[in-house]
Amino acid sequence: MGIFLEEKYTGSDKVEFIAAVKDVSQKSNVQPDWLMALMYHESTFNPQAINQQTGFRCVGLFQFHSAYHNTDAILMMTSAQQVEYWFVKYGAPFKLKFKSFYDVCLANFYPAAMGKPDDYVFPDEVYQVNKLFDTNLDGQITMAEYKAYLRKKYPSLFSASYEVKKNVLPIFIIAAILGLLVLFLYNNKKLLFGKSL
């Protein structure tokens, strides 16, 4: 079974690209589906995508901003290399903050907003180049609007079955830790309690 939107990627390097997505997802502690949706949203999987604005530009699969990244160098990277670059700049630094698809998108979109409540309002400079998130047309973007936009565009990433699948691994980890603790206590009962139990 393929990952989310895999059929939309048509590059000749598809095998390398998908392998990089799976590898980076594992290292970042996120679902590969989240990375795929983020890239499709930002560039429709075009590693050469350029969004030229006044004074800056955003390029590549993740639309890396020229104020923070060497965009000329990024445009020379393969798709797989851009995914690995995303890990260095976002995946690794924010690994412990990734709890949902929202978090992955926010790390790429505006990291300072990660963890903010639904009534949080994004700064005006963010609003000016991202007005599509202003769904009620009131001249600002709230966190609630941002989340609602993502839920509407990618509903499957928020389904109950998806959330259950996402949480299976931590349950097994907790069970394994408890098992090791019990084994440790059993093997060290004399040391801990001074007598046999």
N, C-alpha and C. Protein backbone atom coordinates (compact mmCIF):
# COMPACT_ATOMS: atom_id res chain seq x y z
N MET A 1 0.84 -1.21 0.00
CA MET A 1 0.00 0.00 0.00
C MET A 1 0.87 1.25 0.00
N GLY A 2 0.58 2.19 -0.89
CA GLY A 2 1.37 3.40 -1.00
C GLY A 2 1.02 4.42 0.07
N ILE A 3 1.78 5.49 0.11
CA ILE A 3 1.50 6.55 1.08
C ILE A 3 0.64 7.63 0.43
N PHE A 4 0.13 8.50 1.23
CA PHE A 4 -0.83 9.53 0.81
C PHE A 4 -0.29 10.35 -0.36
N LEU A 5 -1.10 10.47 -1.43
CA LEU A 5 -0.80 11.27 -2.61
C LEU A 5 0.42 10.78 -3.42
N GLU A 6 0.88 9.58 -3.15
CA GLU A 6 2.05 9.06 -3.86
C GLU A 6 1.84 9.05 -5.37
N GLU A 7 0.62 8.77 -5.79
CA GLU A 7 0.33 8.71 -7.23
C GLU A 7 0.45 10.06 -7.91
N LYS A 8 0.43 11.15 -7.13
CA LYS A 8 0.53 12.49 -7.70
C LYS A 8 1.97 12.87 -8.06
N TYR A 9 2.92 12.15 -7.49
CA TYR A 9 4.33 12.46 -7.79
C TYR A 9 4.72 11.72 -9.05
N THR A 10 5.13 12.46 -10.09
CA THR A 10 5.40 11.85 -11.40
C THR A 10 6.86 11.95 -11.83
N GLY A 11 7.74 12.39 -10.94
CA GLY A 11 9.15 12.51 -11.30
C GLY A 11 9.80 11.16 -11.56
N SER A 12 10.84 11.17 -12.38
CA SER A 12 11.55 9.93 -12.72
C SER A 12 12.31 9.37 -11.52
N ASP A 13 12.51 10.18 -10.50
CA ASP A 13 13.22 9.77 -9.29
C ASP A 13 12.27 9.37 -8.17
N LYS A 14 11.10 8.86 -8.54
CA LYS A 14 10.05 8.56 -7.56
C LYS A 14 10.51 7.59 -6.49
N VAL A 15 11.25 6.56 -6.85
CA VAL A 15 11.70 5.57 -5.88
C VAL A 15 12.57 6.22 -4.81
N GLU A 16 13.52 7.04 -5.24
CA GLU A 16 14.41 7.74 -4.30
C GLU A 16 13.63 8.73 -3.44
N PHE A 17 12.69 9.42 -4.07
CA PHE A 17 11.89 10.42 -3.36
C PHE A 17 11.06 9.78 -2.26
N ILE A 18 10.33 8.72 -2.58
CA ILE A 18 9.49 8.05 -1.58
C ILE A 18 10.34 7.46 -0.46
N ALA A 19 11.49 6.91 -0.82
CA ALA A 19 12.40 6.36 0.20
C ALA A 19 12.85 7.46 1.16
N ALA A 20 13.15 8.64 0.61
CA ALA A 20 13.58 9.77 1.45
C ALA A 20 12.45 10.23 2.36
N VAL A 21 11.22 10.27 1.84
CA VAL A 21 10.06 10.68 2.64
C VAL A 21 9.88 9.73 3.83
N LYS A 22 9.95 8.43 3.56
CA LYS A 22 9.78 7.45 4.64
C LYS A 22 10.90 7.55 5.67
N ASP A 23 12.14 7.73 5.20
CA ASP A 23 13.27 7.83 6.10
C ASP A 23 13.19 9.07 6.98
N VAL A 24 12.91 10.20 6.36
CA VAL A 24 12.83 11.47 7.10
C VAL A 24 11.64 11.47 8.05
N SER A 25 10.54 10.88 7.64
CA SER A 25 9.37 10.80 8.51
C SER A 25 9.70 10.03 9.78
N GLN A 26 10.39 8.91 9.62
CA GLN A 26 10.76 8.11 10.78
C GLN A 26 11.70 8.87 11.69
N LYS A 27 12.68 9.54 11.11
CA LYS A 27 13.66 10.29 11.91
C LYS A 27 13.01 11.48 12.61
N SER A 28 11.96 12.04 12.01
CA SER A 28 11.29 13.22 12.56
C SER A 28 10.14 12.88 13.48
N ASN A 29 9.81 11.57 13.57
CA ASN A 29 8.69 11.12 14.39
C ASN A 29 7.36 11.67 13.91
N VAL A 30 7.18 11.67 12.57
CA VAL A 30 5.92 12.11 11.97
C VAL A 30 5.44 11.06 10.97
N GLN A 31 4.19 11.17 10.59
CA GLN A 31 3.64 10.28 9.58
C GLN A 31 4.12 10.70 8.19
N PRO A 32 4.51 9.75 7.32
CA PRO A 32 4.90 10.12 5.96
C PRO A 32 3.77 10.82 5.21
N ASP A 33 2.53 10.46 5.55
CA ASP A 33 1.37 11.11 4.91
C ASP A 33 1.38 12.62 5.17
N TRP A 34 1.82 13.01 6.36
CA TRP A 34 1.85 14.44 6.70
C TRP A 34 2.84 15.18 5.81
N LEU A 35 4.01 14.60 5.62
CA LEU A 35 5.02 15.24 4.77
C LEU A 35 4.53 15.33 3.33
N MET A 36 3.91 14.27 2.86
CA MET A 36 3.40 14.26 1.47
C MET A 36 2.35 15.35 1.29
N ALA A 37 1.43 15.47 2.23
CA ALA A 37 0.38 16.49 2.14
C ALA A 37 0.98 17.90 2.19
N LEU A 38 1.97 18.09 3.04
CA LEU A 38 2.63 19.39 3.15
C LEU A 38 3.28 19.78 1.82
N MET A 39 4.02 18.87 1.22
CA MET A 39 4.68 19.17 -0.05
C MET A 39 3.68 19.40 -1.17
N TYR A 40 2.63 18.61 -1.19
CA TYR A 40 1.62 18.78 -2.24
C TYR A 40 0.93 20.13 -2.09
N HIS A 41 0.67 20.51 -0.85
CA HIS A 41 0.03 21.81 -0.61
C HIS A 41 0.94 22.96 -1.02
N GLU A 42 2.22 22.85 -0.72
CA GLU A 42 3.15 23.94 -0.98
C GLU A 42 3.55 24.05 -2.44
N SER A 43 3.68 22.93 -3.13
CA SER A 43 4.27 22.99 -4.48
C SER A 43 3.68 22.02 -5.48
N THR A 44 2.64 21.28 -5.11
CA THR A 44 2.11 20.18 -5.92
C THR A 44 3.23 19.26 -6.43
N PHE A 45 4.18 19.00 -5.54
CA PHE A 45 5.31 18.10 -5.79
C PHE A 45 6.25 18.57 -6.90
N ASN A 46 6.36 19.87 -7.05
CA ASN A 46 7.28 20.41 -8.07
C ASN A 46 8.54 20.93 -7.38
N PRO A 47 9.67 20.21 -7.50
CA PRO A 47 10.90 20.64 -6.82
C PRO A 47 11.48 21.93 -7.38
N GLN A 48 10.98 22.36 -8.54
CA GLN A 48 11.45 23.60 -9.16
C GLN A 48 10.45 24.74 -9.00
N ALA A 49 9.45 24.56 -8.17
CA ALA A 49 8.42 25.58 -7.97
C ALA A 49 9.04 26.86 -7.40
N ILE A 50 8.66 28.00 -7.97
CA ILE A 50 9.14 29.31 -7.51
C ILE A 50 7.95 30.24 -7.32
N ASN A 51 7.84 30.80 -6.13
CA ASN A 51 6.80 31.79 -5.83
C ASN A 51 7.52 33.10 -5.55
N GLN A 52 7.59 33.95 -6.57
CA GLN A 52 8.31 35.21 -6.47
C GLN A 52 7.41 36.30 -5.89
N GLN A 53 7.85 36.90 -4.79
CA GLN A 53 7.13 37.99 -4.16
C GLN A 53 8.05 39.22 -4.13
N THR A 54 7.51 40.36 -3.74
CA THR A 54 8.32 41.57 -3.65
C THR A 54 9.33 41.45 -2.51
N GLY A 55 10.60 41.39 -2.87
CA GLY A 55 11.65 41.33 -1.87
C GLY A 55 12.07 39.95 -1.42
N PHE A 56 11.36 38.91 -1.83
CA PHE A 56 11.74 37.55 -1.45
C PHE A 56 11.08 36.55 -2.40
N ARG A 57 11.51 35.31 -2.28
CA ARG A 57 10.86 34.25 -3.03
C ARG A 57 10.87 32.96 -2.21
N CYS A 58 9.95 32.08 -2.54
CA CYS A 58 9.88 30.77 -1.91
C CYS A 58 10.04 29.72 -3.00
N VAL A 59 10.84 28.69 -2.74
CA VAL A 59 11.14 27.73 -3.80
C VAL A 59 11.07 26.29 -3.31
N GLY A 60 10.95 25.39 -4.29
CA GLY A 60 11.07 23.97 -4.03
C GLY A 60 9.83 23.30 -3.47
N LEU A 61 10.00 22.04 -3.13
CA LEU A 61 8.89 21.21 -2.64
C LEU A 61 8.20 21.80 -1.43
N PHE A 62 8.98 22.38 -0.52
CA PHE A 62 8.44 22.92 0.73
C PHE A 62 8.31 24.44 0.70
N GLN A 63 8.61 25.05 -0.44
CA GLN A 63 8.60 26.50 -0.57
C GLN A 63 9.47 27.17 0.49
N PHE A 64 10.75 26.83 0.45
CA PHE A 64 11.72 27.41 1.37
C PHE A 64 11.86 28.91 1.09
N HIS A 65 11.83 29.71 2.14
CA HIS A 65 11.84 31.17 2.05
C HIS A 65 13.28 31.68 1.88
N SER A 66 13.45 32.60 0.94
CA SER A 66 14.79 33.12 0.64
C SER A 66 15.41 33.91 1.78
N ALA A 67 14.60 34.36 2.75
CA ALA A 67 15.14 35.08 3.89
C ALA A 67 15.88 34.15 4.85
N TYR A 68 15.60 32.86 4.76
CA TYR A 68 16.19 31.90 5.69
C TYR A 68 16.99 30.79 5.01
N HIS A 69 16.88 30.69 3.69
CA HIS A 69 17.52 29.58 2.99
C HIS A 69 18.18 30.07 1.69
N ASN A 70 19.19 29.35 1.26
CA ASN A 70 19.84 29.62 -0.02
C ASN A 70 18.99 29.00 -1.11
N THR A 71 18.11 29.78 -1.68
CA THR A 71 17.14 29.22 -2.62
C THR A 71 17.78 28.77 -3.94
N ASP A 72 18.87 29.39 -4.34
CA ASP A 72 19.57 28.93 -5.55
C ASP A 72 20.09 27.52 -5.36
N ALA A 73 20.66 27.27 -4.19
CA ALA A 73 21.19 25.93 -3.89
C ALA A 73 20.06 24.90 -3.81
N ILE A 74 18.95 25.29 -3.25
CA ILE A 74 17.81 24.38 -3.12
C ILE A 74 17.28 23.96 -4.49
N LEU A 75 17.22 24.90 -5.42
CA LEU A 75 16.71 24.59 -6.75
C LEU A 75 17.63 23.65 -7.52
N MET A 76 18.84 23.48 -7.05
CA MET A 76 19.77 22.54 -7.68
C MET A 76 19.69 21.15 -7.05
N MET A 77 18.92 21.02 -5.97
CA MET A 77 18.79 19.73 -5.29
C MET A 77 17.75 18.85 -5.98
N THR A 78 17.92 17.54 -5.83
CA THR A 78 16.88 16.61 -6.26
C THR A 78 15.74 16.66 -5.25
N SER A 79 14.63 16.03 -5.59
CA SER A 79 13.50 15.99 -4.65
C SER A 79 13.90 15.32 -3.34
N ALA A 80 14.61 14.20 -3.44
CA ALA A 80 15.04 13.48 -2.24
C ALA A 80 15.96 14.35 -1.39
N GLN A 81 16.83 15.10 -2.03
CA GLN A 81 17.74 15.97 -1.30
C GLN A 81 16.99 17.11 -0.60
N GLN A 82 15.94 17.62 -1.23
CA GLN A 82 15.14 18.66 -0.59
C GLN A 82 14.42 18.12 0.64
N VAL A 83 13.97 16.88 0.57
CA VAL A 83 13.31 16.26 1.73
C VAL A 83 14.31 16.12 2.87
N GLU A 84 15.52 15.68 2.56
CA GLU A 84 16.56 15.56 3.58
C GLU A 84 16.94 16.93 4.15
N TYR A 85 16.94 17.94 3.30
CA TYR A 85 17.24 19.30 3.76
C TYR A 85 16.15 19.77 4.73
N TRP A 86 14.89 19.44 4.42
CA TRP A 86 13.80 19.80 5.32
C TRP A 86 14.03 19.19 6.70
N PHE A 87 14.51 17.95 6.73
CA PHE A 87 14.77 17.29 8.01
C PHE A 87 15.81 18.07 8.82
N VAL A 88 16.88 18.50 8.18
CA VAL A 88 17.94 19.23 8.87
C VAL A 88 17.41 20.54 9.45
N LYS A 89 16.60 21.24 8.67
CA LYS A 89 16.14 22.57 9.09
C LYS A 89 14.88 22.56 9.96
N TYR A 90 14.03 21.54 9.79
CA TYR A 90 12.76 21.52 10.51
C TYR A 90 12.49 20.20 11.25
N GLY A 91 12.71 19.08 10.57
CA GLY A 91 12.41 17.79 11.17
C GLY A 91 13.15 17.53 12.46
N ALA A 92 14.46 17.70 12.44
CA ALA A 92 15.27 17.46 13.64
C ALA A 92 15.01 18.50 14.74
N PRO A 93 15.04 19.80 14.42
CA PRO A 93 14.84 20.82 15.48
C PRO A 93 13.48 20.75 16.17
N PHE A 94 12.43 20.37 15.42
CA PHE A 94 11.08 20.39 15.98
C PHE A 94 10.52 19.00 16.27
N LYS A 95 11.38 17.99 16.23
CA LYS A 95 10.93 16.61 16.40
C LYS A 95 10.04 16.40 17.62
N LEU A 96 10.42 16.96 18.74
CA LEU A 96 9.68 16.75 19.98
C LEU A 96 8.37 17.55 20.04
N LYS A 97 8.19 18.48 19.11
CA LYS A 97 6.97 19.30 19.11
C LYS A 97 5.92 18.78 18.13
N PHE A 98 6.29 17.82 17.30
CA PHE A 98 5.35 17.30 16.31
C PHE A 98 4.35 16.36 16.97
N LYS A 99 3.10 16.81 17.07
CA LYS A 99 2.03 15.99 17.64
C LYS A 99 0.92 15.71 16.63
N SER A 100 0.88 16.49 15.56
CA SER A 100 -0.19 16.35 14.58
C SER A 100 0.24 16.93 13.24
N PHE A 101 -0.63 16.78 12.25
CA PHE A 101 -0.40 17.36 10.93
C PHE A 101 -0.30 18.88 11.04
N TYR A 102 -1.08 19.47 11.95
CA TYR A 102 -1.01 20.92 12.16
C TYR A 102 0.43 21.35 12.48
N ASP A 103 1.07 20.62 13.38
CA ASP A 103 2.41 20.99 13.83
C ASP A 103 3.42 20.93 12.69
N VAL A 104 3.32 19.91 11.86
CA VAL A 104 4.25 19.78 10.73
C VAL A 104 4.08 20.95 9.78
N CYS A 105 2.84 21.32 9.53
CA CYS A 105 2.57 22.46 8.63
C CYS A 105 3.04 23.77 9.24
N LEU A 106 2.81 23.95 10.53
CA LEU A 106 3.20 25.19 11.20
C LEU A 106 4.72 25.34 11.25
N ALA A 107 5.44 24.25 11.43
CA ALA A 107 6.90 24.33 11.45
C ALA A 107 7.41 24.88 10.13
N ASN A 108 6.74 24.53 9.07
CA ASN A 108 7.13 24.99 7.74
C ASN A 108 6.58 26.38 7.43
N PHE A 109 5.38 26.65 7.95
CA PHE A 109 4.66 27.88 7.64
C PHE A 109 5.08 29.06 8.52
N TYR A 110 5.02 28.85 9.83
CA TYR A 110 5.37 29.92 10.79
C TYR A 110 5.64 29.26 12.14
N PRO A 111 6.87 28.81 12.38
CA PRO A 111 7.21 28.04 13.59
C PRO A 111 6.83 28.71 14.91
N ALA A 112 6.86 30.02 14.95
CA ALA A 112 6.54 30.73 16.20
C ALA A 112 5.11 30.48 16.65
N ALA A 113 4.26 29.99 15.75
CA ALA A 113 2.85 29.76 16.09
C ALA A 113 2.59 28.36 16.64
N MET A 114 3.60 27.50 16.63
CA MET A 114 3.41 26.14 17.13
C MET A 114 3.00 26.16 18.60
N GLY A 115 1.93 25.43 18.92
CA GLY A 115 1.46 25.36 20.30
C GLY A 115 0.54 26.49 20.72
N LYS A 116 0.26 27.42 19.81
CA LYS A 116 -0.60 28.56 20.15
C LYS A 116 -2.08 28.13 20.16
N PRO A 117 -2.93 28.82 20.94
CA PRO A 117 -4.37 28.47 21.01
C PRO A 117 -5.11 28.88 19.74
N ASP A 118 -6.34 28.42 19.64
CA ASP A 118 -7.13 28.67 18.43
C ASP A 118 -7.44 30.15 18.19
N ASP A 119 -7.41 30.97 19.23
CA ASP A 119 -7.70 32.39 19.04
C ASP A 119 -6.44 33.20 18.71
N TYR A 120 -5.32 32.51 18.56
CA TYR A 120 -4.07 33.20 18.18
C TYR A 120 -4.23 33.81 16.79
N VAL A 121 -3.72 35.04 16.63
CA VAL A 121 -3.79 35.74 15.34
C VAL A 121 -2.38 35.84 14.76
N PHE A 122 -2.22 35.37 13.53
CA PHE A 122 -0.92 35.44 12.87
C PHE A 122 -0.56 36.89 12.57
N PRO A 123 0.73 37.22 12.58
CA PRO A 123 1.16 38.59 12.29
C PRO A 123 0.72 39.05 10.91
N ASP A 124 0.65 40.36 10.75
CA ASP A 124 0.17 40.94 9.49
C ASP A 124 1.05 40.55 8.31
N GLU A 125 2.38 40.44 8.53
CA GLU A 125 3.25 40.09 7.41
C GLU A 125 2.98 38.67 6.91
N VAL A 126 2.50 37.82 7.79
CA VAL A 126 2.11 36.47 7.38
C VAL A 126 0.79 36.54 6.61
N TYR A 127 -0.12 37.35 7.12
CA TYR A 127 -1.43 37.50 6.47
C TYR A 127 -1.31 38.00 5.04
N GLN A 128 -0.45 38.97 4.81
CA GLN A 128 -0.38 39.62 3.51
C GLN A 128 -0.06 38.67 2.35
N VAL A 129 0.67 37.61 2.64
CA VAL A 129 1.03 36.67 1.56
C VAL A 129 0.33 35.32 1.71
N ASN A 130 -0.64 35.24 2.64
CA ASN A 130 -1.36 33.97 2.85
C ASN A 130 -2.85 34.23 3.11
N LYS A 131 -3.45 35.11 2.35
CA LYS A 131 -4.82 35.51 2.58
C LYS A 131 -5.83 34.40 2.34
N LEU A 132 -5.42 33.33 1.67
CA LEU A 132 -6.35 32.23 1.42
C LEU A 132 -6.83 31.58 2.72
N PHE A 133 -6.07 31.74 3.82
CA PHE A 133 -6.47 31.16 5.10
C PHE A 133 -7.50 32.03 5.82
N ASP A 134 -7.70 33.25 5.37
CA ASP A 134 -8.68 34.16 5.99
C ASP A 134 -10.07 33.81 5.46
N THR A 135 -10.63 32.74 5.98
CA THR A 135 -11.88 32.21 5.44
C THR A 135 -13.09 33.08 5.73
N ASN A 136 -13.05 33.89 6.78
CA ASN A 136 -14.20 34.77 7.06
C ASN A 136 -13.97 36.20 6.56
N LEU A 137 -12.85 36.41 5.88
CA LEU A 137 -12.54 37.68 5.22
C LEU A 137 -12.60 38.88 6.17
N ASP A 138 -12.04 38.69 7.36
CA ASP A 138 -12.06 39.79 8.33
C ASP A 138 -10.70 40.49 8.42
N GLY A 139 -9.79 40.18 7.50
CA GLY A 139 -8.51 40.86 7.48
C GLY A 139 -7.46 40.28 8.41
N GLN A 140 -7.70 39.08 8.93
CA GLN A 140 -6.71 38.43 9.78
C GLN A 140 -6.85 36.91 9.68
N ILE A 141 -5.82 36.21 10.10
CA ILE A 141 -5.85 34.75 10.11
C ILE A 141 -5.68 34.28 11.55
N THR A 142 -6.66 33.55 12.04
CA THR A 142 -6.55 32.97 13.37
C THR A 142 -6.08 31.52 13.25
N MET A 143 -5.61 30.96 14.35
CA MET A 143 -5.20 29.56 14.35
C MET A 143 -6.38 28.66 14.02
N ALA A 144 -7.56 29.03 14.50
CA ALA A 144 -8.76 28.23 14.22
C ALA A 144 -9.03 28.18 12.71
N GLU A 145 -8.86 29.30 12.03
CA GLU A 145 -9.07 29.34 10.58
C GLU A 145 -8.03 28.49 9.85
N TYR A 146 -6.81 28.59 10.31
CA TYR A 146 -5.72 27.83 9.70
C TYR A 146 -5.99 26.34 9.81
N LYS A 147 -6.37 25.89 11.00
CA LYS A 147 -6.67 24.48 11.22
C LYS A 147 -7.87 24.02 10.41
N ALA A 148 -8.91 24.87 10.37
CA ALA A 148 -10.12 24.52 9.62
C ALA A 148 -9.81 24.34 8.14
N TYR A 149 -8.95 25.19 7.61
CA TYR A 149 -8.56 25.09 6.21
C TYR A 149 -7.88 23.74 5.93
N LEU A 150 -6.97 23.34 6.80
CA LEU A 150 -6.27 22.08 6.63
C LEU A 150 -7.21 20.89 6.76
N ARG A 151 -8.12 20.95 7.72
CA ARG A 151 -9.08 19.85 7.91
C ARG A 151 -9.98 19.69 6.69
N LYS A 152 -10.37 20.82 6.10
CA LYS A 152 -11.25 20.77 4.94
C LYS A 152 -10.51 20.23 3.71
N LYS A 153 -9.26 20.59 3.56
CA LYS A 153 -8.49 20.18 2.37
C LYS A 153 -7.99 18.75 2.47
N TYR A 154 -7.64 18.31 3.70
CA TYR A 154 -7.09 16.96 3.89
C TYR A 154 -7.85 16.23 5.01
N PRO A 155 -9.13 15.98 4.82
CA PRO A 155 -9.93 15.38 5.91
C PRO A 155 -9.44 14.01 6.37
N SER A 156 -8.88 13.22 5.47
CA SER A 156 -8.44 11.88 5.86
C SER A 156 -7.31 11.89 6.88
N LEU A 157 -6.56 12.97 6.93
CA LEU A 157 -5.45 13.05 7.88
C LEU A 157 -5.92 13.33 9.31
N PHE A 158 -7.22 13.53 9.47
CA PHE A 158 -7.78 13.82 10.80
C PHE A 158 -8.85 12.80 11.20
N SER A 159 -8.96 11.71 10.45
CA SER A 159 -9.97 10.69 10.74
C SER A 159 -9.61 9.93 12.01
N ALA A 160 -10.64 9.36 12.65
CA ALA A 160 -10.43 8.60 13.89
C ALA A 160 -9.53 7.40 13.65
N SER A 161 -9.72 6.70 12.53
CA SER A 161 -8.91 5.52 12.25
C SER A 161 -7.44 5.90 12.07
N TYR A 162 -7.20 7.07 11.48
CA TYR A 162 -5.83 7.53 11.29
C TYR A 162 -5.18 7.83 12.63
N GLU A 163 -5.93 8.46 13.54
CA GLU A 163 -5.40 8.79 14.85
C GLU A 163 -5.08 7.52 15.64
N VAL A 164 -5.93 6.49 15.54
CA VAL A 164 -5.68 5.24 16.24
C VAL A 164 -4.41 4.60 15.72
N LYS A 165 -4.27 4.58 14.40
CA LYS A 165 -3.07 4.00 13.81
C LYS A 165 -1.84 4.74 14.27
N LYS A 166 -1.94 6.04 14.40
CA LYS A 166 -0.80 6.87 14.78
C LYS A 166 -0.34 6.55 16.20
N ASN A 167 -1.28 6.14 17.08
CA ASN A 167 -0.94 5.95 18.48
C ASN A 167 -0.60 4.52 18.87
N VAL A 168 -0.57 3.59 17.92
CA VAL A 168 -0.27 2.20 18.23
C VAL A 168 1.15 2.05 18.75
N LEU A 169 2.11 2.66 18.09
CA LEU A 169 3.51 2.50 18.47
C LEU A 169 3.79 2.95 19.91
N PRO A 170 3.36 4.12 20.34
CA PRO A 170 3.62 4.52 21.73
C PRO A 170 3.08 3.55 22.76
N ILE A 171 1.93 2.91 22.48
CA ILE A 171 1.34 1.96 23.41
C ILE A 171 2.27 0.77 23.60
N PHE A 172 2.81 0.26 22.49
CA PHE A 172 3.74 -0.86 22.57
C PHE A 172 5.01 -0.47 23.32
N ILE A 173 5.47 0.76 23.12
CA ILE A 173 6.67 1.22 23.81
C ILE A 173 6.44 1.28 25.32
N ILE A 174 5.28 1.81 25.73
CA ILE A 174 4.95 1.88 27.15
C ILE A 174 4.88 0.48 27.75
N ALA A 175 4.24 -0.45 27.02
CA ALA A 175 4.12 -1.82 27.51
C ALA A 175 5.49 -2.46 27.68
N ALA A 176 6.39 -2.20 26.72
CA ALA A 176 7.73 -2.77 26.78
C ALA A 176 8.51 -2.23 27.98
N ILE A 177 8.36 -0.92 28.24
CA ILE A 177 9.05 -0.30 29.37
C ILE A 177 8.53 -0.89 30.69
N LEU A 178 7.22 -1.06 30.81
CA LEU A 178 6.64 -1.65 32.02
C LEU A 178 7.12 -3.07 32.22
N GLY A 179 7.22 -3.83 31.12
CA GLY A 179 7.71 -5.20 31.20
C GLY A 179 9.14 -5.27 31.69
N LEU A 180 9.97 -4.38 31.19
CA LEU A 180 11.37 -4.34 31.62
C LEU A 180 11.48 -3.94 33.09
N LEU A 181 10.60 -3.03 33.52
CA LEU A 181 10.61 -2.60 34.92
C LEU A 181 10.26 -3.76 35.84
N VAL A 182 9.23 -4.51 35.47
CA VAL A 182 8.83 -5.67 36.27
C VAL A 182 9.96 -6.69 36.34
N LEU A 183 10.60 -6.94 35.19
CA LEU A 183 11.72 -7.89 35.14
C LEU A 183 12.87 -7.43 36.03
N PHE A 184 13.15 -6.13 35.99
CA PHE A 184 14.22 -5.58 36.82
C PHE A 184 13.92 -5.76 38.29
N LEU A 185 12.68 -5.45 38.69
CA LEU A 185 12.29 -5.58 40.09
C LEU A 185 12.36 -7.03 40.55
N TYR A 186 11.95 -7.93 39.69
CA TYR A 186 11.98 -9.36 40.05
C TYR A 186 13.41 -9.84 40.24
N ASN A 187 14.30 -9.44 39.33
CA ASN A 187 15.69 -9.89 39.38
C ASN A 187 16.49 -9.22 40.49
N ASN A 188 15.98 -8.11 41.00
CA ASN A 188 16.72 -7.38 42.03
C ASN A 188 15.93 -7.25 43.33
N LYS A 189 15.04 -8.20 43.58
CA LYS A 189 14.18 -8.09 44.76
C LYS A 189 14.96 -8.15 46.07
N LYS A 190 16.04 -8.94 46.10
CA LYS A 190 16.82 -9.02 47.32
C LYS A 190 17.55 -7.71 47.58
N LEU A 191 18.08 -7.13 46.51
CA LEU A 191 18.80 -5.87 46.63
C LEU A 191 17.87 -4.75 47.08
N LEU A 192 16.64 -4.77 46.54
CA LEU A 192 15.68 -3.70 46.83
C LEU A 192 14.99 -3.87 48.18
N PHE A 193 14.67 -5.13 48.52
CA PHE A 193 13.85 -5.35 49.71
C PHE A 193 14.60 -6.06 50.83
N GLY A 194 15.81 -6.54 50.58
CA GLY A 194 16.63 -7.17 51.61
C GLY A 194 16.27 -8.59 51.93
N LYS A 195 15.26 -9.14 51.26
CA LYS A 195 14.86 -10.52 51.48
C LYS A 195 14.06 -11.02 50.29
N SER A 196 13.93 -12.30 50.24
CA SER A 196 13.18 -12.89 49.13
C SER A 196 11.69 -12.60 49.32
N LEU A 197 11.03 -12.43 48.18
CA LEU A 197 9.58 -12.19 48.24
C LEU A 197 8.82 -13.47 48.02
